[in-house]
């Protein structure tokens, strides 16, 4: 039996903060514990095409194009302390 392709494998849920979001391109960056992960607006779980900068979100990680980890299933996380996510 073959292992699933890396592009379909996801890692556990993480909480982070949206650092930037470009509405024109539909691309954003979320920061979690000092690491930055990109996401596309199609990765927003509720189907919306925008997420506010500074929003606390929960997401999973998956290998994207070129094998880099990217955020998927991005959704509001609710009240979470910000300090652990912003420090490097």
PDB file of N, CA and C in Angstrom:
ATOM      1  N   UNK A   1       0.846  -1.173   0.000  1.00  0.00           N
ATOM      2  CA  UNK A   1       0.000   0.000   0.000  1.00  0.00           C
ATOM      3  C   UNK A   1       0.892   1.236   0.000  1.00  0.00           C
ATOM      4  N   UNK A   2       0.581   2.211  -0.850  1.00  0.00           N
ATOM      5  CA  UNK A   2       1.368   3.442  -0.952  1.00  0.00           C
ATOM      6  C   UNK A   2       0.954   4.447   0.112  1.00  0.00           C
ATOM      7  N   UNK A   3       1.920   5.227   0.591  1.00  0.00           N
ATOM      8  CA  UNK A   3       1.634   6.307   1.546  1.00  0.00           C
ATOM      9  C   UNK A   3       0.950   7.444   0.805  1.00  0.00           C
ATOM     10  N   UNK A   4       0.100   8.217   1.499  1.00  0.00           N
ATOM     11  CA  UNK A   4      -0.545   9.348   0.843  1.00  0.00           C
ATOM     12  C   UNK A   4       0.493  10.377   0.396  1.00  0.00           C
ATOM     13  N   UNK A   5       0.167  11.094  -0.650  1.00  0.00           N
ATOM     14  CA  UNK A   5       1.066  12.131  -1.157  1.00  0.00           C
ATOM     15  C   UNK A   5       1.241  13.221  -0.111  1.00  0.00           C
ATOM     16  N   UNK A   6       2.426  13.819  -0.079  1.00  0.00           N
ATOM     17  CA  UNK A   6       2.738  14.849   0.919  1.00  0.00           C
ATOM     18  C   UNK A   6       1.783  16.023   0.825  1.00  0.00           C
ATOM     19  N   UNK A   7       1.275  16.348  -0.351  1.00  0.00           N
ATOM     20  CA  UNK A   7       0.401  17.506  -0.499  1.00  0.00           C
ATOM     21  C   UNK A   7      -0.948  17.282   0.179  1.00  0.00           C
ATOM     22  N   UNK A   8      -1.277  16.046   0.515  1.00  0.00           N
ATOM     23  CA  UNK A   8      -2.547  15.757   1.171  1.00  0.00           C
ATOM     24  C   UNK A   8      -2.394  15.584   2.679  1.00  0.00           C
ATOM     25  N   UNK A   9      -1.162  15.466   3.161  1.00  0.00           N
ATOM     26  CA  UNK A   9      -0.922  15.270   4.586  1.00  0.00           C
ATOM     27  C   UNK A   9      -1.057  16.606   5.316  1.00  0.00           C
ATOM     28  N   UNK A  10      -1.741  16.596   6.457  1.00  0.00           N
ATOM     29  CA  UNK A  10      -1.867  17.807   7.253  1.00  0.00           C
ATOM     30  C   UNK A  10      -1.318  17.553   8.643  1.00  0.00           C
ATOM     31  N   UNK A  11      -0.878  18.629   9.275  1.00  0.00           N
ATOM     32  CA  UNK A  11      -0.374  18.563  10.632  1.00  0.00           C
ATOM     33  C   UNK A  11      -1.454  19.094  11.563  1.00  0.00           C
ATOM     34  N   UNK A  12      -1.322  18.857  12.857  1.00  0.00           N
ATOM     35  CA  UNK A  12      -2.323  19.250  13.836  1.00  0.00           C
ATOM     36  C   UNK A  12      -2.656  20.735  13.818  1.00  0.00           C
ATOM     37  N   UNK A  13      -3.763  21.069  14.449  1.00  0.00           N
ATOM     38  CA  UNK A  13      -4.234  22.449  14.501  1.00  0.00           C
ATOM     39  C   UNK A  13      -3.293  23.318  15.321  1.00  0.00           C
ATOM     40  N   UNK A  14      -3.140  24.547  14.881  1.00  0.00           N
ATOM     41  CA  UNK A  14      -2.333  25.549  15.571  1.00  0.00           C
ATOM     42  C   UNK A  14      -3.136  26.837  15.669  1.00  0.00           C
ATOM     43  N   UNK A  15      -2.766  27.667  16.626  1.00  0.00           N
ATOM     44  CA  UNK A  15      -3.346  28.998  16.743  1.00  0.00           C
ATOM     45  C   UNK A  15      -2.290  30.015  16.350  1.00  0.00           C
ATOM     46  N   UNK A  16      -2.712  31.095  15.731  1.00  0.00           N
ATOM     47  CA  UNK A  16      -1.786  32.138  15.320  1.00  0.00           C
ATOM     48  C   UNK A  16      -2.519  33.439  15.086  1.00  0.00           C
ATOM     49  N   UNK A  17      -1.781  34.429  14.603  1.00  0.00           N
ATOM     50  CA  UNK A  17      -2.311  35.763  14.352  1.00  0.00           C
ATOM     51  C   UNK A  17      -2.058  36.108  12.887  1.00  0.00           C
ATOM     52  N   UNK A  18      -3.071  36.667  12.224  1.00  0.00           N
ATOM     53  CA  UNK A  18      -2.908  37.098  10.845  1.00  0.00           C
ATOM     54  C   UNK A  18      -2.014  38.338  10.844  1.00  0.00           C
ATOM     55  N   UNK A  19      -0.860  38.222  10.215  1.00  0.00           N
ATOM     56  CA  UNK A  19       0.116  39.313  10.183  1.00  0.00           C
ATOM     57  C   UNK A  19      -0.163  40.270   9.025  1.00  0.00           C
ATOM     58  N   UNK A  20      -0.573  39.709   7.897  1.00  0.00           N
ATOM     59  CA  UNK A  20      -0.892  40.541   6.740  1.00  0.00           C
ATOM     60  C   UNK A  20      -1.886  39.804   5.850  1.00  0.00           C
ATOM     61  N   UNK A  21      -2.643  40.601   5.087  1.00  0.00           N
ATOM     62  CA  UNK A  21      -3.566  40.014   4.124  1.00  0.00           C
ATOM     63  C   UNK A  21      -3.738  40.993   2.978  1.00  0.00           C
ATOM     64  N   UNK A  22      -3.503  40.531   1.758  1.00  0.00           N
ATOM     65  CA  UNK A  22      -3.620  41.339   0.548  1.00  0.00           C
ATOM     66  C   UNK A  22      -4.924  40.955  -0.152  1.00  0.00           C
ATOM     67  N   UNK A  23      -5.925  41.840  -0.058  1.00  0.00           N
ATOM     68  CA  UNK A  23      -7.232  41.552  -0.659  1.00  0.00           C
ATOM     69  C   UNK A  23      -7.148  41.377  -2.174  1.00  0.00           C
ATOM     70  N   UNK A  24      -6.288  42.153  -2.834  1.00  0.00           N
ATOM     71  CA  UNK A  24      -6.200  42.076  -4.296  1.00  0.00           C
ATOM     72  C   UNK A  24      -5.680  40.725  -4.771  1.00  0.00           C
ATOM     73  N   UNK A  25      -4.710  40.184  -4.061  1.00  0.00           N
ATOM     74  CA  UNK A  25      -4.125  38.894  -4.440  1.00  0.00           C
ATOM     75  C   UNK A  25      -4.763  37.724  -3.712  1.00  0.00           C
ATOM     76  N   UNK A  26      -5.480  38.001  -2.597  1.00  0.00           N
ATOM     77  CA  UNK A  26      -6.091  36.927  -1.820  1.00  0.00           C
ATOM     78  C   UNK A  26      -5.077  36.129  -1.026  1.00  0.00           C
ATOM     79  N   UNK A  27      -3.934  36.735  -0.715  1.00  0.00           N
ATOM     80  CA  UNK A  27      -2.867  36.042  -0.006  1.00  0.00           C
ATOM     81  C   UNK A  27      -2.643  36.662   1.361  1.00  0.00           C
ATOM     82  N   UNK A  28      -2.362  35.810   2.332  1.00  0.00           N
ATOM     83  CA  UNK A  28      -2.096  36.294   3.675  1.00  0.00           C
ATOM     84  C   UNK A  28      -0.979  35.517   4.326  1.00  0.00           C
ATOM     85  N   UNK A  29      -0.567  36.027   5.490  1.00  0.00           N
ATOM     86  CA  UNK A  29       0.459  35.384   6.299  1.00  0.00           C
ATOM     87  C   UNK A  29      -0.045  35.296   7.722  1.00  0.00           C
ATOM     88  N   UNK A  30       0.103  34.129   8.323  1.00  0.00           N
ATOM     89  CA  UNK A  30      -0.254  33.938   9.723  1.00  0.00           C
ATOM     90  C   UNK A  30       1.034  33.603  10.474  1.00  0.00           C
ATOM     91  N   UNK A  31       1.165  34.154  11.692  1.00  0.00           N
ATOM     92  CA  UNK A  31       2.338  33.926  12.532  1.00  0.00           C
ATOM     93  C   UNK A  31       1.929  33.076  13.719  1.00  0.00           C
ATOM     94  N   UNK A  32       2.682  32.011  13.964  1.00  0.00           N
ATOM     95  CA  UNK A  32       2.431  31.130  15.100  1.00  0.00           C
ATOM     96  C   UNK A  32       3.775  30.779  15.730  1.00  0.00           C
ATOM     97  N   UNK A  33       3.950  31.205  16.967  1.00  0.00           N
ATOM     98  CA  UNK A  33       5.184  30.931  17.712  1.00  0.00           C
ATOM     99  C   UNK A  33       6.441  31.311  16.932  1.00  0.00           C
ATOM    100  N   UNK A  34       6.391  32.494  16.326  1.00  0.00           N
ATOM    101  CA  UNK A  34       7.550  33.014  15.614  1.00  0.00           C
ATOM    102  C   UNK A  34       7.726  32.503  14.198  1.00  0.00           C
ATOM    103  N   UNK A  35       6.923  31.564  13.760  1.00  0.00           N
ATOM    104  CA  UNK A  35       7.010  31.037  12.395  1.00  0.00           C
ATOM    105  C   UNK A  35       5.904  31.648  11.545  1.00  0.00           C
ATOM    106  N   UNK A  36       6.220  31.918  10.280  1.00  0.00           N
ATOM    107  CA  UNK A  36       5.244  32.508   9.357  1.00  0.00           C
ATOM    108  C   UNK A  36       4.817  31.465   8.324  1.00  0.00           C
ATOM    109  N   UNK A  37       3.508  31.438   8.083  1.00  0.00           N
ATOM    110  CA  UNK A  37       2.954  30.525   7.092  1.00  0.00           C
ATOM    111  C   UNK A  37       2.013  31.303   6.190  1.00  0.00           C
ATOM    112  N   UNK A  38       2.136  31.108   4.901  1.00  0.00           N
ATOM    113  CA  UNK A  38       1.268  31.777   3.947  1.00  0.00           C
ATOM    114  C   UNK A  38      -0.026  30.992   3.775  1.00  0.00           C
ATOM    115  N   UNK A  39      -1.069  31.718   3.345  1.00  0.00           N
ATOM    116  CA  UNK A  39      -2.324  31.060   2.997  1.00  0.00           C
ATOM    117  C   UNK A  39      -3.013  31.857   1.903  1.00  0.00           C
ATOM    118  N   UNK A  40      -3.829  31.180   1.138  1.00  0.00           N
ATOM    119  CA  UNK A  40      -4.650  31.796   0.092  1.00  0.00           C
ATOM    120  C   UNK A  40      -6.069  31.924   0.618  1.00  0.00           C
ATOM    121  N   UNK A  41      -6.810  32.877   0.087  1.00  0.00           N
ATOM    122  CA  UNK A  41      -8.176  33.104   0.576  1.00  0.00           C
ATOM    123  C   UNK A  41      -9.051  31.854   0.452  1.00  0.00           C
ATOM    124  N   UNK A  42      -8.727  30.940  -0.448  1.00  0.00           N
ATOM    125  CA  UNK A  42      -9.503  29.707  -0.583  1.00  0.00           C
ATOM    126  C   UNK A  42      -9.280  28.773   0.610  1.00  0.00           C
ATOM    127  N   UNK A  43      -8.263  29.069   1.458  1.00  0.00           N
ATOM    128  CA  UNK A  43      -7.995  28.254   2.649  1.00  0.00           C
ATOM    129  C   UNK A  43      -8.794  28.721   3.858  1.00  0.00           C
ATOM    130  N   UNK A  44      -9.592  29.797   3.703  1.00  0.00           N
ATOM    131  CA  UNK A  44     -10.413  30.288   4.810  1.00  0.00           C
ATOM    132  C   UNK A  44     -11.621  29.369   4.928  1.00  0.00           C
ATOM    133  N   UNK A  45     -11.777  28.767   6.090  1.00  0.00           N
ATOM    134  CA  UNK A  45     -12.738  27.672   6.283  1.00  0.00           C
ATOM    135  C   UNK A  45     -14.188  28.046   6.027  1.00  0.00           C
ATOM    136  N   UNK A  46     -14.595  29.275   6.344  1.00  0.00           N
ATOM    137  CA  UNK A  46     -16.011  29.626   6.199  1.00  0.00           C
ATOM    138  C   UNK A  46     -16.383  30.070   4.789  1.00  0.00           C
ATOM    139  N   UNK A  47     -15.420  30.036   3.870  1.00  0.00           N
ATOM    140  CA  UNK A  47     -15.706  30.387   2.483  1.00  0.00           C
ATOM    141  C   UNK A  47     -15.594  31.873   2.181  1.00  0.00           C
ATOM    142  N   UNK A  48     -15.367  32.699   3.195  1.00  0.00           N
ATOM    143  CA  UNK A  48     -15.189  34.126   2.937  1.00  0.00           C
ATOM    144  C   UNK A  48     -13.872  34.323   2.202  1.00  0.00           C
ATOM    145  N   UNK A  49     -13.667  35.473   1.658  1.00  0.00           N
ATOM    146  CA  UNK A  49     -12.444  35.752   0.904  1.00  0.00           C
ATOM    147  C   UNK A  49     -11.569  36.795   1.599  1.00  0.00           C
ATOM    148  N   UNK A  50     -11.816  37.055   2.878  1.00  0.00           N
ATOM    149  CA  UNK A  50     -11.050  38.056   3.618  1.00  0.00           C
ATOM    150  C   UNK A  50     -10.927  37.645   5.077  1.00  0.00           C
ATOM    151  N   UNK A  51      -9.798  37.994   5.674  1.00  0.00           N
ATOM    152  CA  UNK A  51      -9.600  37.836   7.110  1.00  0.00           C
ATOM    153  C   UNK A  51      -8.846  39.085   7.573  1.00  0.00           C
ATOM    154  N   UNK A  52      -9.238  39.608   8.702  1.00  0.00           N
ATOM    155  CA  UNK A  52      -8.657  40.858   9.189  1.00  0.00           C
ATOM    156  C   UNK A  52      -7.247  40.659   9.734  1.00  0.00           C
ATOM    157  N   UNK A  53      -6.389  41.623   9.447  1.00  0.00           N
ATOM    158  CA  UNK A  53      -5.060  41.635  10.039  1.00  0.00           C
ATOM    159  C   UNK A  53      -5.220  41.760  11.551  1.00  0.00           C
ATOM    160  N   UNK A  54      -4.480  40.961  12.298  1.00  0.00           N
ATOM    161  CA  UNK A  54      -4.571  40.953  13.754  1.00  0.00           C
ATOM    162  C   UNK A  54      -5.550  39.927  14.294  1.00  0.00           C
ATOM    163  N   UNK A  55      -6.328  39.292  13.410  1.00  0.00           N
ATOM    164  CA  UNK A  55      -7.278  38.279  13.856  1.00  0.00           C
ATOM    165  C   UNK A  55      -6.543  37.056  14.397  1.00  0.00           C
ATOM    166  N   UNK A  56      -7.042  36.522  15.494  1.00  0.00           N
ATOM    167  CA  UNK A  56      -6.507  35.272  16.044  1.00  0.00           C
ATOM    168  C   UNK A  56      -7.233  34.134  15.337  1.00  0.00           C
ATOM    169  N   UNK A  57      -6.458  33.230  14.732  1.00  0.00           N
ATOM    170  CA  UNK A  57      -7.052  32.155  13.931  1.00  0.00           C
ATOM    171  C   UNK A  57      -6.481  30.807  14.335  1.00  0.00           C
ATOM    172  N   UNK A  58      -7.228  29.774  14.020  1.00  0.00           N
ATOM    173  CA  UNK A  58      -6.777  28.384  14.165  1.00  0.00           C
ATOM    174  C   UNK A  58      -6.631  27.849  12.742  1.00  0.00           C
ATOM    175  N   UNK A  59      -5.591  27.040  12.516  1.00  0.00           N
ATOM    176  CA  UNK A  59      -5.343  26.520  11.173  1.00  0.00           C
ATOM    177  C   UNK A  59      -4.577  25.206  11.267  1.00  0.00           C
ATOM    178  N   UNK A  60      -4.552  24.488  10.177  1.00  0.00           N
ATOM    179  CA  UNK A  60      -3.708  23.304  10.055  1.00  0.00           C
ATOM    180  C   UNK A  60      -2.609  23.634   9.052  1.00  0.00           C
ATOM    181  N   UNK A  61      -1.585  22.817   9.031  1.00  0.00           N
ATOM    182  CA  UNK A  61      -0.497  22.992   8.078  1.00  0.00           C
ATOM    183  C   UNK A  61      -0.500  21.840   7.093  1.00  0.00           C
ATOM    184  N   UNK A  62      -0.207  22.163   5.856  1.00  0.00           N
ATOM    185  CA  UNK A  62      -0.099  21.135   4.823  1.00  0.00           C
ATOM    186  C   UNK A  62       0.980  21.565   3.842  1.00  0.00           C
ATOM    187  N   UNK A  63       1.601  20.598   3.184  1.00  0.00           N
ATOM    188  CA  UNK A  63       2.596  20.910   2.166  1.00  0.00           C
ATOM    189  C   UNK A  63       1.899  21.508   0.959  1.00  0.00           C
ATOM    190  N   UNK A  64       2.364  22.672   0.550  1.00  0.00           N
ATOM    191  CA  UNK A  64       1.800  23.346  -0.612  1.00  0.00           C
ATOM    192  C   UNK A  64       2.662  23.114  -1.831  1.00  0.00           C
ATOM    193  N   UNK A  65       2.503  23.987  -2.814  1.00  0.00           N
ATOM    194  CA  UNK A  65       3.311  23.898  -4.028  1.00  0.00           C
ATOM    195  C   UNK A  65       4.779  24.055  -3.665  1.00  0.00           C
ATOM    196  N   UNK A  66       5.620  23.215  -4.185  1.00  0.00           N
ATOM    197  CA  UNK A  66       7.045  23.266  -3.902  1.00  0.00           C
ATOM    198  C   UNK A  66       7.414  22.657  -2.564  1.00  0.00           C
ATOM    199  N   UNK A  67       6.440  22.063  -1.858  1.00  0.00           N
ATOM    200  CA  UNK A  67       6.725  21.386  -0.604  1.00  0.00           C
ATOM    201  C   UNK A  67       6.761  22.273   0.628  1.00  0.00           C
ATOM    202  N   UNK A  68       6.597  23.608   0.471  1.00  0.00           N
ATOM    203  CA  UNK A  68       6.593  24.488   1.641  1.00  0.00           C
ATOM    204  C   UNK A  68       5.302  24.326   2.421  1.00  0.00           C
ATOM    205  N   UNK A  69       5.411  24.395   3.747  1.00  0.00           N
ATOM    206  CA  UNK A  69       4.218  24.313   4.579  1.00  0.00           C
ATOM    207  C   UNK A  69       3.396  25.582   4.440  1.00  0.00           C
ATOM    208  N   UNK A  70       2.077  25.419   4.324  1.00  0.00           N
ATOM    209  CA  UNK A  70       1.179  26.561   4.250  1.00  0.00           C
ATOM    210  C   UNK A  70      -0.022  26.311   5.145  1.00  0.00           C
ATOM    211  N   UNK A  71      -0.675  27.387   5.548  1.00  0.00           N
ATOM    212  CA  UNK A  71      -1.844  27.300   6.416  1.00  0.00           C
ATOM    213  C   UNK A  71      -3.066  26.890   5.598  1.00  0.00           C
ATOM    214  N   UNK A  72      -3.856  26.011   6.167  1.00  0.00           N
ATOM    215  CA  UNK A  72      -5.116  25.563   5.549  1.00  0.00           C
ATOM    216  C   UNK A  72      -6.210  25.595   6.611  1.00  0.00           C
ATOM    217  N   UNK A  73      -7.455  25.554   6.210  1.00  0.00           N
ATOM    218  CA  UNK A  73      -8.604  25.520   7.128  1.00  0.00           C
ATOM    219  C   UNK A  73      -8.507  26.643   8.163  1.00  0.00           C
ATOM    220  N   UNK A  74      -8.226  27.857   7.688  1.00  0.00           N
ATOM    221  CA  UNK A  74      -8.070  29.020   8.559  1.00  0.00           C
ATOM    222  C   UNK A  74      -9.441  29.452   9.079  1.00  0.00           C
ATOM    223  N   UNK A  75      -9.588  29.538  10.409  1.00  0.00           N
ATOM    224  CA  UNK A  75     -10.872  29.925  11.013  1.00  0.00           C
ATOM    225  C   UNK A  75     -10.622  30.697  12.302  1.00  0.00           C
ATOM    226  N   UNK A  76     -11.602  31.502  12.753  1.00  0.00           N
ATOM    227  CA  UNK A  76     -11.429  32.247  14.004  1.00  0.00           C
ATOM    228  C   UNK A  76     -11.153  31.302  15.162  1.00  0.00           C
ATOM    229  N   UNK A  77     -10.214  31.690  16.031  1.00  0.00           N
ATOM    230  CA  UNK A  77      -9.838  30.830  17.158  1.00  0.00           C
ATOM    231  C   UNK A  77     -10.474  31.278  18.459  1.00  0.00           C
ATOM    232  N   UNK A  78     -11.026  32.469  18.497  1.00  0.00           N
ATOM    233  CA  UNK A  78     -11.570  32.983  19.743  1.00  0.00           C
ATOM    234  C   UNK A  78     -10.477  33.616  20.576  1.00  0.00           C
ATOM    235  N   UNK A  79     -10.776  33.948  21.816  1.00  0.00           N
ATOM    236  CA  UNK A  79      -9.774  34.633  22.641  1.00  0.00           C
ATOM    237  C   UNK A  79      -8.611  33.711  23.006  1.00  0.00           C
ATOM    238  N   UNK A  80      -7.428  34.093  22.575  1.00  0.00           N
ATOM    239  CA  UNK A  80      -6.208  33.336  22.843  1.00  0.00           C
ATOM    240  C   UNK A  80      -5.130  34.359  23.191  1.00  0.00           C
ATOM    241  N   UNK A  81      -4.290  34.111  24.197  1.00  0.00           N
ATOM    242  CA  UNK A  81      -3.212  35.053  24.494  1.00  0.00           C
ATOM    243  C   UNK A  81      -2.272  35.202  23.308  1.00  0.00           C
ATOM    244  N   UNK A  82      -1.933  36.432  22.934  1.00  0.00           N
ATOM    245  CA  UNK A  82      -1.142  36.674  21.743  1.00  0.00           C
ATOM    246  C   UNK A  82       0.360  36.481  21.941  1.00  0.00           C
ATOM    247  N   UNK A  83       0.888  36.676  23.113  1.00  0.00           N
ATOM    248  CA  UNK A  83       2.321  36.684  23.341  1.00  0.00           C
ATOM    249  C   UNK A  83       3.046  35.439  22.800  1.00  0.00           C
ATOM    250  N   UNK A  84       2.554  34.226  23.036  1.00  0.00           N
ATOM    251  CA  UNK A  84       3.304  33.054  22.556  1.00  0.00           C
ATOM    252  C   UNK A  84       3.435  33.004  21.033  1.00  0.00           C
ATOM    253  N   UNK A  85       2.540  33.659  20.310  1.00  0.00           N
ATOM    254  CA  UNK A  85       2.543  33.566  18.857  1.00  0.00           C
ATOM    255  C   UNK A  85       3.448  34.603  18.227  1.00  0.00           C
ATOM    256  N   UNK A  86       3.660  35.713  18.896  1.00  0.00           N
ATOM    257  CA  UNK A  86       4.411  36.804  18.315  1.00  0.00           C
ATOM    258  C   UNK A  86       5.889  36.759  18.669  1.00  0.00           C
ATOM    259  N   UNK A  87       6.245  36.075  19.727  1.00  0.00           N
ATOM    260  CA  UNK A  87       7.645  35.997  20.135  1.00  0.00           C
ATOM    261  C   UNK A  87       8.370  34.953  19.295  1.00  0.00           C
ATOM    262  N   UNK A  88       9.633  35.215  19.024  1.00  0.00           N
ATOM    263  CA  UNK A  88      10.422  34.317  18.197  1.00  0.00           C
ATOM    264  C   UNK A  88      11.128  33.324  18.921  1.00  0.00           C
TER     265      UNK A  88
END
